[in-house]
Amino acid sequence: MNLENKILTITVPSYNTEKYIDECMPYLINDSIIDDIEILVVSDGSKDNTVAVAGKWEKKYPQSIRVIEKENGGHGSTINRGIAEARGKYFKVIDGDDWVKTDNLVQLVSFLKTADVDIINNTYFEHDEVTKDETMMMTLDIKSNQINDYAEIVKKIKIPPMHTVTYKTSILKENNIKIDEKMFYVDAEYITFPLPFVKTQVYLDFPVYVYRVNSGTQSMAIDNMVKNRAMHFSVLKRELDFIKNLPSDIASSVRVALKQRLSELIIAQYVIELSIKDRRTRLDETKKVTEFLKNEGVVQDSEVLSLSKTLIKTSGGIILPAVKFRKVVQNNKLWRNVERGILNSVKRMKK
């Protein structure tokens, strides 16, 4: 199979991932699928030897691997470049410091060869860098391998994280999906912006993606989130603007799911703001977030989660004790399991 007839494009965003490339790539390569996939290693202005290390893989599999060098533009820019360059019928993002379960990737590609569906959601693993535990995520009580009407199934699955997602590439290209650049937290955009155009969905109950957590260097570590809080707020604002400008004919169930995802961003924003160490800065910035959300009418929106609206009404005060407690115990294994359960409960909320 040549480069013009690929089943799946895997984009590997890479910024200074020299030490991870040789770990990640072997998991993506299997003789039974190597001709069916293309792997785009997109180096986002890496300053280490990411390009050289990835280039060795390109030379070994020139029919399937391309290394793309670009100026630094952030995670969103690597996804945008991947979409622009993609030649596969389907599109998936695997970050350069994560990996996949090879046998299950083979199974996914086998499914995609005969599939015609807009979005596929798989279960995935979270790999804890400290404990080395792997926890299965996104297990759903719905039938696997069945094509579903997206407007109906979204009521059950809500909007899962990007680690679960494989899109039909045409959904991304034909609708000019563009993710914010020079910005963290744009996974929220990647998993929401295509949804107004999605009509069909399949759930597959085997995990493909292995997501590395608790490394301490990720943008999702709370200290990093505090440092980058303006970016998170910017993404929240863009999500709100996106929802306000949804097509008039979008299914109500999809709109409700998008507002739930917005609600989760609001909850996260308050956790971030309340984690600021300096009291004066914490009060001032939390007030700024609250005033913005009130002015945007979020409190009056019946489809936004009640918890988010309560946070706005109390300027986050209702969860301040919990945030303080979290800062003390966040590195405890038991607490991480409790927190995961809380987050999953939020995703199941209906109002």
Protein backbone atom coordinates (compact mmCIF):
# COMPACT_ATOMS: atom_id res chain seq x y z
CA MET A 1 0.00 0.00 0.00
CA ASN A 2 1.36 3.45 -0.91
CA LEU A 3 1.11 6.70 0.98
CA GLU A 4 -2.10 7.68 -0.82
CA ASN A 5 -4.13 4.70 0.44
CA LYS A 6 -3.78 4.56 4.17
CA ILE A 7 -6.47 3.42 6.57
CA LEU A 8 -5.26 5.37 9.61
CA THR A 9 -3.10 8.42 10.12
CA ILE A 10 -1.45 8.56 13.55
CA THR A 11 -0.12 12.00 14.41
CA VAL A 12 2.56 11.99 17.10
CA PRO A 13 2.97 15.52 18.55
CA SER A 14 6.54 15.76 19.77
CA TYR A 15 8.32 18.48 21.67
CA ASN A 16 11.67 17.46 23.13
CA THR A 17 10.56 13.83 23.29
CA GLU A 18 13.95 12.40 22.34
CA LYS A 19 13.95 10.04 25.32
CA TYR A 20 10.44 8.77 24.56
CA ILE A 21 10.44 8.30 20.76
CA ASP A 22 12.26 4.99 20.86
CA GLU A 23 9.79 3.82 23.50
CA CYS A 24 6.69 4.99 21.67
CA MET A 25 7.44 3.99 18.07
CA PRO A 26 7.87 0.20 18.45
CA TYR A 27 4.36 0.00 19.91
CA LEU A 28 2.95 1.63 16.76
CA ILE A 29 4.67 -0.77 14.37
CA ASN A 30 3.42 -4.23 13.49
CA ASP A 31 4.05 -6.10 10.25
CA SER A 32 0.35 -6.82 9.77
CA ILE A 33 -0.63 -3.12 9.71
CA ILE A 34 2.50 -1.15 8.80
CA ASP A 35 1.33 -0.72 5.19
CA ASP A 36 -2.14 0.35 6.31
CA ILE A 37 -1.06 3.25 8.50
CA GLU A 38 0.95 6.44 8.26
CA ILE A 39 2.71 7.86 11.27
CA LEU A 40 3.38 11.60 11.28
CA VAL A 41 5.95 12.57 13.89
CA VAL A 42 5.41 16.33 14.15
CA SER A 43 8.32 17.99 15.93
CA ASP A 44 7.10 21.25 17.44
CA GLY A 45 10.37 23.15 17.32
CA SER A 46 12.15 20.55 19.45
CA LYS A 47 15.51 21.67 20.80
CA ASP A 48 16.82 18.18 21.56
CA ASN A 49 17.43 15.25 19.19
CA THR A 50 13.75 14.40 18.62
CA VAL A 51 14.02 14.87 14.85
CA ALA A 52 17.21 12.81 14.52
CA VAL A 53 15.83 9.96 16.62
CA ALA A 54 12.52 9.95 14.75
CA GLY A 55 14.38 10.19 11.45
CA LYS A 56 15.93 6.77 12.04
CA TRP A 57 12.42 5.31 12.13
CA GLU A 58 11.47 7.20 8.97
CA LYS A 59 14.45 5.71 7.13
CA LYS A 60 13.47 2.21 8.26
CA TYR A 61 9.79 2.59 7.26
CA PRO A 62 9.70 5.29 4.53
CA GLN A 63 6.38 4.01 3.20
CA SER A 64 4.66 4.65 6.53
CA ILE A 65 6.55 7.17 8.66
CA ARG A 66 7.13 10.86 7.99
CA VAL A 67 8.97 13.28 10.26
CA ILE A 68 7.68 16.84 10.01
CA GLU A 69 9.70 19.73 11.44
CA LYS A 70 7.92 22.97 12.26
CA GLU A 71 8.40 26.07 14.37
CA ASN A 72 7.15 25.87 17.93
CA GLY A 73 3.42 26.53 18.05
CA GLY A 74 2.13 24.35 20.85
CA HIS A 75 0.22 21.08 20.95
CA GLY A 76 -2.68 22.46 18.93
CA SER A 77 -0.37 23.43 16.09
CA THR A 78 0.94 19.85 15.80
CA ILE A 79 -2.62 18.54 15.56
CA ASN A 80 -3.48 21.18 12.94
CA ARG A 81 -0.41 20.20 10.92
CA GLY A 82 -1.27 16.53 11.27
CA ILE A 83 -4.81 17.13 9.98
CA ALA A 84 -3.45 19.11 7.02
CA GLU A 85 -0.93 16.39 6.12
CA ALA A 86 -3.13 13.35 6.83
CA ARG A 87 -3.76 10.89 4.03
CA GLY A 88 -5.50 8.17 6.01
CA LYS A 89 -9.26 7.66 6.04
CA TYR A 90 -9.16 7.92 9.84
CA PHE A 91 -7.14 10.12 12.18
CA LYS A 92 -5.77 9.56 15.69
CA VAL A 93 -3.40 11.49 17.97
CA ILE A 94 -0.83 9.64 20.08
CA ASP A 95 1.41 12.01 22.06
CA GLY A 96 5.12 11.34 21.78
CA ASP A 97 5.50 10.55 25.49
CA ASP A 98 2.59 8.06 25.50
CA TRP A 99 2.16 4.73 23.73
CA VAL A 100 -0.37 2.11 22.60
CA LYS A 101 -1.22 -1.53 23.14
CA THR A 102 0.09 -2.91 19.85
CA ASP A 103 -2.25 -5.91 19.55
CA ASN A 104 -5.22 -3.65 20.14
CA LEU A 105 -3.98 -1.09 17.62
CA VAL A 106 -3.91 -3.96 15.12
CA GLN A 107 -7.48 -4.78 16.12
CA LEU A 108 -8.53 -1.15 15.67
CA VAL A 109 -7.00 -0.94 12.18
CA SER A 110 -8.70 -4.20 11.25
CA PHE A 111 -12.04 -2.70 12.30
CA LEU A 112 -11.37 0.53 10.40
CA LYS A 113 -10.69 -1.34 7.16
CA THR A 114 -14.37 -2.22 6.84
CA ALA A 115 -15.87 0.68 8.81
CA ASP A 116 -17.59 3.84 7.65
CA VAL A 117 -18.26 5.84 10.80
CA ASP A 118 -17.54 9.41 11.91
CA ILE A 119 -16.05 8.82 15.36
CA ILE A 120 -14.73 5.78 17.22
CA ASN A 121 -14.27 5.70 21.00
CA ASN A 122 -12.07 3.07 22.67
CA THR A 123 -11.33 2.37 26.28
CA TYR A 124 -7.81 3.39 27.32
CA PHE A 125 -5.29 2.94 30.14
CA GLU A 126 -3.89 5.52 32.52
CA HIS A 127 -0.33 4.58 33.44
CA ASP A 128 0.81 6.06 36.75
CA GLU A 129 4.49 6.96 36.53
CA VAL A 130 4.93 6.72 40.31
CA THR A 131 3.09 3.49 41.12
CA LYS A 132 3.36 1.92 37.62
CA ASP A 133 -0.30 0.96 37.94
CA GLU A 134 -2.43 0.82 34.80
CA THR A 135 -6.09 1.67 35.24
CA MET A 136 -8.68 0.97 32.56
CA MET A 137 -10.69 4.07 31.71
CA MET A 138 -13.80 4.78 29.65
CA THR A 139 -15.50 1.42 30.15
CA LEU A 140 -19.12 1.91 29.11
CA ASP A 141 -22.25 -0.14 29.50
CA ILE A 142 -23.08 -0.04 25.81
CA LYS A 143 -22.68 -2.55 23.02
CA SER A 144 -19.25 -2.74 21.40
CA ASN A 145 -18.74 -2.78 17.60
CA GLN A 146 -22.19 -1.35 16.92
CA ILE A 147 -22.77 1.75 14.81
CA ASN A 148 -24.81 4.24 16.83
CA ASP A 149 -26.64 7.44 16.04
CA TYR A 150 -24.39 10.02 17.67
CA ALA A 151 -27.23 12.25 18.84
CA GLU A 152 -28.60 9.30 20.84
CA ILE A 153 -25.39 7.71 22.13
CA VAL A 154 -23.92 11.03 23.35
CA LYS A 155 -26.56 10.99 26.09
CA LYS A 156 -24.75 7.97 27.56
CA ILE A 157 -21.11 8.59 26.74
CA LYS A 158 -21.01 12.41 27.16
CA ILE A 159 -17.72 13.69 25.69
CA PRO A 160 -14.82 11.34 26.48
CA PRO A 161 -11.16 12.48 26.59
CA MET A 162 -9.05 12.62 23.44
CA HIS A 163 -7.21 9.40 24.29
CA THR A 164 -10.38 7.51 23.33
CA VAL A 165 -10.99 9.24 20.00
CA THR A 166 -10.42 8.26 16.38
CA TYR A 167 -12.08 10.55 13.83
CA LYS A 168 -12.91 10.08 10.20
CA THR A 169 -10.36 12.42 8.64
CA SER A 170 -12.90 14.03 6.30
CA ILE A 171 -14.82 15.34 9.34
CA LEU A 172 -11.72 17.32 10.31
CA LYS A 173 -10.62 18.43 6.86
CA GLU A 174 -13.95 19.32 5.26
CA ASN A 175 -15.10 21.34 8.26
CA ASN A 176 -11.78 23.17 8.63
CA ILE A 177 -11.27 22.11 12.25
CA LYS A 178 -8.56 24.32 13.72
CA ILE A 179 -7.19 24.06 17.25
CA ASP A 180 -5.75 27.03 19.14
CA GLU A 181 -1.98 27.32 18.87
CA LYS A 182 0.60 28.38 21.46
CA MET A 183 -1.81 27.13 24.09
CA PHE A 184 -2.13 24.27 26.58
CA TYR A 185 -5.42 22.46 27.32
CA VAL A 186 -6.55 22.43 23.70
CA ASP A 187 -7.59 18.78 23.97
CA ALA A 188 -10.96 20.27 24.98
CA GLU A 189 -11.17 21.90 21.55
CA TYR A 190 -10.05 18.78 19.72
CA ILE A 191 -12.78 16.65 21.28
CA THR A 192 -15.57 19.22 20.87
CA PHE A 193 -15.08 21.28 17.70
CA PRO A 194 -15.80 18.36 15.29
CA LEU A 195 -18.94 17.19 17.12
CA PRO A 196 -21.54 19.33 15.31
CA PHE A 197 -20.58 17.39 12.17
CA VAL A 198 -20.54 13.89 13.67
CA LYS A 199 -23.53 11.69 12.82
CA THR A 200 -22.38 8.16 13.62
CA GLN A 201 -20.32 6.59 16.42
CA VAL A 202 -18.88 3.23 17.42
CA TYR A 203 -17.67 2.15 20.85
CA LEU A 204 -14.91 -0.46 20.98
CA ASP A 205 -14.35 -2.09 24.35
CA PHE A 206 -10.61 -2.78 23.99
CA PRO A 207 -7.96 -0.22 25.07
CA VAL A 208 -5.60 1.20 22.47
CA TYR A 209 -4.06 4.28 24.12
CA VAL A 210 -1.82 4.25 27.21
CA TYR A 211 -1.77 7.71 28.79
CA ARG A 212 1.14 8.59 31.06
CA VAL A 213 -0.03 10.38 34.25
CA ASN A 214 1.57 11.68 37.45
CA SER A 215 4.89 12.45 35.80
CA GLY A 216 5.01 15.85 37.50
CA THR A 217 6.00 17.61 34.27
CA GLN A 218 2.65 17.56 32.50
CA SER A 219 0.53 20.64 31.91
CA MET A 220 -2.17 18.94 34.03
CA ALA A 221 -0.01 18.92 37.20
CA ILE A 222 -1.64 21.48 39.51
CA ASP A 223 1.42 23.71 39.91
CA ASN A 224 1.76 23.88 36.13
CA MET A 225 -1.96 24.56 35.79
CA VAL A 226 -1.64 27.49 38.19
CA LYS A 227 1.28 28.83 36.19
CA ASN A 228 -0.66 28.42 32.94
CA ARG A 229 -4.07 29.42 34.30
CA ALA A 230 -4.54 32.19 31.73
CA MET A 231 -4.33 29.58 28.96
CA HIS A 232 -6.94 27.40 30.63
CA PHE A 233 -9.21 30.43 30.97
CA SER A 234 -8.65 31.27 27.30
CA VAL A 235 -9.70 27.76 26.24
CA LEU A 236 -12.76 28.02 28.51
CA LYS A 237 -13.71 31.29 26.79
CA ARG A 238 -13.28 29.78 23.34
CA GLU A 239 -15.45 26.80 24.30
CA LEU A 240 -18.14 29.18 25.50
CA ASP A 241 -17.95 31.13 22.25
CA PHE A 242 -18.05 27.87 20.27
CA ILE A 243 -21.24 26.81 22.09
CA LYS A 244 -22.87 30.20 21.52
CA ASN A 245 -22.28 29.86 17.78
CA LEU A 246 -23.40 26.26 17.30
CA PRO A 247 -25.42 25.54 14.14
CA SER A 248 -29.15 26.02 14.72
CA ASP A 249 -29.90 22.47 13.58
CA ILE A 250 -27.54 20.74 16.05
CA ALA A 251 -29.18 17.97 18.07
CA SER A 252 -30.19 19.13 21.55
CA SER A 253 -28.41 16.14 23.10
CA VAL A 254 -25.10 17.20 21.52
CA ARG A 255 -25.59 20.77 22.72
CA VAL A 256 -26.26 19.53 26.26
CA ALA A 257 -23.12 17.34 26.17
CA LEU A 258 -21.05 20.30 25.02
CA LYS A 259 -22.38 22.39 27.90
CA GLN A 260 -21.48 19.62 30.31
CA ARG A 261 -17.93 19.70 28.96
CA LEU A 262 -17.97 23.47 29.47
CA SER A 263 -19.18 22.85 33.02
CA GLU A 264 -16.18 20.61 33.66
CA LEU A 265 -13.86 23.35 32.41
CA ILE A 266 -15.51 25.81 34.79
CA ILE A 267 -15.00 23.44 37.72
CA ALA A 268 -11.34 22.97 36.73
CA GLN A 269 -10.85 26.74 36.41
CA TYR A 270 -12.02 27.32 39.97
CA VAL A 271 -9.78 24.53 41.29
CA ILE A 272 -6.85 26.19 39.51
CA GLU A 273 -7.67 29.71 40.74
CA LEU A 274 -8.18 28.53 44.32
CA SER A 275 -4.80 26.77 44.21
CA ILE A 276 -2.93 30.08 43.77
CA LYS A 277 -0.69 30.51 46.81
CA ASP A 278 -0.80 34.30 47.12
CA ARG A 279 -4.10 35.21 48.80
CA ARG A 280 -4.54 38.62 47.14
CA THR A 281 -3.87 37.21 43.68
CA ARG A 282 -6.14 34.28 44.38
CA LEU A 283 -9.05 36.51 45.42
CA ASP A 284 -8.58 38.96 42.55
CA GLU A 285 -8.32 36.35 39.82
CA THR A 286 -11.15 34.19 41.14
CA LYS A 287 -13.33 37.32 41.19
CA LYS A 288 -12.37 38.04 37.58
CA VAL A 289 -13.43 34.54 36.49
CA THR A 290 -16.68 34.82 38.42
CA GLU A 291 -17.58 38.20 36.94
CA PHE A 292 -16.90 36.99 33.42
CA LEU A 293 -19.08 33.90 33.79
CA LYS A 294 -21.89 35.91 35.39
CA ASN A 295 -21.76 38.48 32.60
CA GLU A 296 -21.95 35.67 30.05
CA GLY A 297 -25.19 34.44 31.63
CA VAL A 298 -23.83 31.01 32.55
CA VAL A 299 -25.71 30.96 35.88
CA GLN A 300 -29.03 31.31 34.04
CA ASP A 301 -28.31 28.47 31.60
CA SER A 302 -30.45 25.46 32.57
CA GLU A 303 -28.16 23.06 30.66
CA VAL A 304 -24.99 23.92 32.61
CA LEU A 305 -24.27 21.64 35.58
CA SER A 306 -25.66 22.88 38.89
CA LEU A 307 -22.26 22.38 40.54
CA SER A 308 -20.66 24.81 38.10
CA LYS A 309 -23.38 27.39 38.67
CA THR A 310 -22.99 27.03 42.45
CA LEU A 311 -19.26 27.67 42.06
CA ILE A 312 -20.02 30.86 40.15
CA LYS A 313 -22.57 32.02 42.74
CA THR A 314 -20.10 31.44 45.59
CA SER A 315 -17.01 32.52 43.62
CA GLY A 316 -15.59 29.07 44.29
CA GLY A 317 -16.04 29.31 48.06
CA ILE A 318 -18.02 26.09 48.24
CA ILE A 319 -14.97 24.00 47.24
CA LEU A 320 -12.16 26.02 48.86
CA PRO A 321 -11.78 23.56 51.81
CA ALA A 322 -11.62 20.64 49.36
CA VAL A 323 -8.98 22.38 47.24
CA LYS A 324 -6.84 23.06 50.33
CA PHE A 325 -7.18 19.42 51.37
CA ARG A 326 -6.28 18.27 47.85
CA LYS A 327 -3.02 20.23 47.92
CA VAL A 328 -1.95 18.26 51.00
CA VAL A 329 -2.87 14.78 49.77
CA GLN A 330 -2.59 15.04 45.97
CA ASN A 331 0.47 12.76 45.81
CA ASN A 332 -1.19 10.02 47.85
CA LYS A 333 -2.16 6.96 45.81
CA LEU A 334 -5.46 6.51 47.66
CA TRP A 335 -6.38 10.15 47.02
CA ARG A 336 -5.67 9.80 43.29
CA ASN A 337 -8.15 6.93 43.16
CA VAL A 338 -10.72 8.99 45.07
CA GLU A 339 -10.18 11.97 42.78
CA ARG A 340 -10.59 9.81 39.69
CA GLY A 341 -13.91 8.61 41.10
CA ILE A 342 -15.03 12.18 41.73
CA LEU A 343 -14.17 13.20 38.18
CA ASN A 344 -16.06 10.22 36.78
CA SER A 345 -19.06 11.19 38.93
CA VAL A 346 -18.99 14.71 37.49
CA LYS A 347 -19.08 13.25 34.00
CA ARG A 348 -22.21 11.28 34.88
CA MET A 349 -24.07 14.33 36.19
CA LYS A 350 -27.13 15.33 34.21
CA LYS A 351 -27.86 18.82 35.67
